């Protein structure tokens, strides 16, 4: 059974940085497309960034483009989300999500992900 475990969340001042990690186990990591989603208080869960199983290309929501970077280390079965220039509106619970091997995939579509982590809190204060 695939498990995803997020780490690296916490509280940071506006303009600061955090790096989230998603550790994957129980399946074939190199077959999986991986994404980060987030859900703020009273908001829908939204796609933030994603990366294909072979690493390219990467995809980003407009709201985080040029500030966030997603990457993967297939040797460590881990995906990272480097978040820079954090804003209060970035505060949310961040979830890692993974697909099984699939031929069709729309990166921002929640229904295209088969496995989810429990989420990790990111707080941004002024």
Protein backbone atom coordinates (compact mmCIF):
# COMPACT_ATOMS: atom_id res chain seq x y z
CA UNK A 1 0.00 0.00 0.00
CA UNK A 2 1.42 3.37 -1.02
CA UNK A 3 1.99 5.82 1.79
CA UNK A 4 2.88 9.50 1.50
CA UNK A 5 4.27 11.39 4.46
CA UNK A 6 4.72 15.15 4.37
CA UNK A 7 7.25 17.02 6.47
CA UNK A 8 8.84 20.44 6.69
CA UNK A 9 5.82 22.56 7.47
CA UNK A 10 5.65 25.19 10.16
CA UNK A 11 5.33 28.90 10.79
CA UNK A 12 7.27 31.50 8.87
CA UNK A 13 7.19 35.26 8.51
CA UNK A 14 5.96 36.88 5.33
CA UNK A 15 8.73 36.78 2.77
CA UNK A 16 10.33 33.73 4.33
CA UNK A 17 10.93 30.26 2.93
CA UNK A 18 10.05 26.68 3.73
CA UNK A 19 10.84 23.39 2.04
CA UNK A 20 8.24 20.66 2.19
CA UNK A 21 9.15 17.03 1.64
CA UNK A 22 6.94 14.14 0.64
CA UNK A 23 8.32 10.69 1.37
CA UNK A 24 6.79 7.91 -0.76
CA UNK A 25 6.77 4.23 0.18
CA UNK A 26 4.98 1.02 -0.70
CA UNK A 27 4.89 1.34 -4.46
CA UNK A 28 6.89 2.27 -7.54
CA UNK A 29 7.78 5.89 -7.03
CA UNK A 30 9.36 6.28 -10.45
CA UNK A 31 6.01 5.43 -12.11
CA UNK A 32 4.11 8.12 -10.23
CA UNK A 33 3.29 11.67 -11.11
CA UNK A 34 3.34 13.70 -7.89
CA UNK A 35 1.59 16.90 -6.93
CA UNK A 36 1.18 19.27 -4.05
CA UNK A 37 -2.27 20.56 -3.21
CA UNK A 38 -3.29 22.95 -0.48
CA UNK A 39 -6.43 23.84 1.38
CA UNK A 40 -6.86 27.04 3.31
CA UNK A 41 -9.56 27.68 5.91
CA UNK A 42 -12.96 27.74 4.24
CA UNK A 43 -11.45 27.15 0.81
CA UNK A 44 -11.49 24.37 -1.75
CA UNK A 45 -8.44 22.17 -2.08
CA UNK A 46 -6.36 23.55 -4.93
CA UNK A 47 -3.48 22.27 -6.98
CA UNK A 48 -0.20 24.07 -6.32
CA UNK A 49 2.48 22.24 -8.31
CA UNK A 50 3.14 18.90 -9.96
CA UNK A 51 5.92 16.91 -11.55
CA UNK A 52 5.86 14.03 -13.98
CA UNK A 53 7.34 10.67 -13.12
CA UNK A 54 10.42 11.40 -15.22
CA UNK A 55 10.87 14.88 -13.78
CA UNK A 56 9.82 17.12 -16.64
CA UNK A 57 7.89 19.18 -17.25
CA UNK A 58 6.72 20.76 -14.01
CA UNK A 59 3.46 22.56 -13.51
CA UNK A 60 2.48 25.44 -11.24
CA UNK A 61 -0.56 27.39 -10.24
CA UNK A 62 -0.33 31.01 -11.37
CA UNK A 63 -0.42 32.15 -7.74
CA UNK A 64 2.86 30.40 -6.91
CA UNK A 65 4.75 30.57 -10.21
CA UNK A 66 8.26 31.99 -9.82
CA UNK A 67 8.09 31.53 -6.03
CA UNK A 68 7.66 27.78 -5.59
CA UNK A 69 9.75 24.99 -7.09
CA UNK A 70 8.82 21.32 -7.20
CA UNK A 71 11.48 18.67 -7.62
CA UNK A 72 11.92 14.96 -7.11
CA UNK A 73 14.70 12.62 -6.14
CA UNK A 74 13.91 9.18 -7.55
CA UNK A 75 16.83 7.68 -5.63
CA UNK A 76 15.26 8.78 -2.34
CA UNK A 77 11.59 8.34 -3.33
CA UNK A 78 10.97 11.91 -2.25
CA UNK A 79 9.40 15.00 -3.75
CA UNK A 80 10.17 18.49 -2.53
CA UNK A 81 8.36 21.80 -2.67
CA UNK A 82 10.63 24.77 -2.14
CA UNK A 83 8.50 27.75 -1.18
CA UNK A 84 10.07 31.20 -1.28
CA UNK A 85 8.67 34.70 -0.76
CA UNK A 86 5.80 33.29 1.24
CA UNK A 87 2.67 35.36 1.60
CA UNK A 88 -0.16 35.16 4.16
CA UNK A 89 -2.41 33.76 1.42
CA UNK A 90 -0.07 30.77 1.10
CA UNK A 91 -1.07 29.62 4.58
CA UNK A 92 -2.88 26.30 4.30
CA UNK A 93 -2.65 22.60 4.91
CA UNK A 94 -0.44 21.21 2.16
CA UNK A 95 -1.06 17.72 0.80
CA UNK A 96 1.14 15.48 -1.28
CA UNK A 97 -0.65 13.36 -3.87
CA UNK A 98 0.52 10.60 -6.20
CA UNK A 99 -0.83 8.77 -9.20
CA UNK A 100 -0.56 5.16 -10.14
CA UNK A 101 1.04 4.69 -13.55
CA UNK A 102 -1.41 6.17 -16.00
CA UNK A 103 -1.54 7.22 -19.62
CA UNK A 104 -3.74 10.28 -19.09
CA UNK A 105 -3.15 12.85 -16.44
CA UNK A 106 -4.29 16.38 -15.84
CA UNK A 107 -2.02 17.75 -13.19
CA UNK A 108 -4.56 19.95 -11.41
CA UNK A 109 -7.36 17.40 -11.39
CA UNK A 110 -7.79 15.97 -7.90
CA UNK A 111 -9.55 12.92 -9.31
CA UNK A 112 -6.39 11.88 -11.17
CA UNK A 113 -4.56 11.13 -7.94
CA UNK A 114 -4.80 7.75 -6.27
CA UNK A 115 -2.89 8.36 -3.04
CA UNK A 116 -2.84 11.25 -0.59
CA UNK A 117 -0.79 12.20 2.41
CA UNK A 118 -2.37 13.41 5.63
CA UNK A 119 -1.28 16.98 5.08
CA UNK A 120 0.97 19.40 6.87
CA UNK A 121 0.27 22.89 8.15
CA UNK A 122 2.01 25.95 6.74
CA UNK A 123 1.40 29.22 8.59
CA UNK A 124 2.59 32.59 7.31
CA UNK A 125 2.43 35.53 9.70
CA UNK A 126 3.01 39.23 9.14
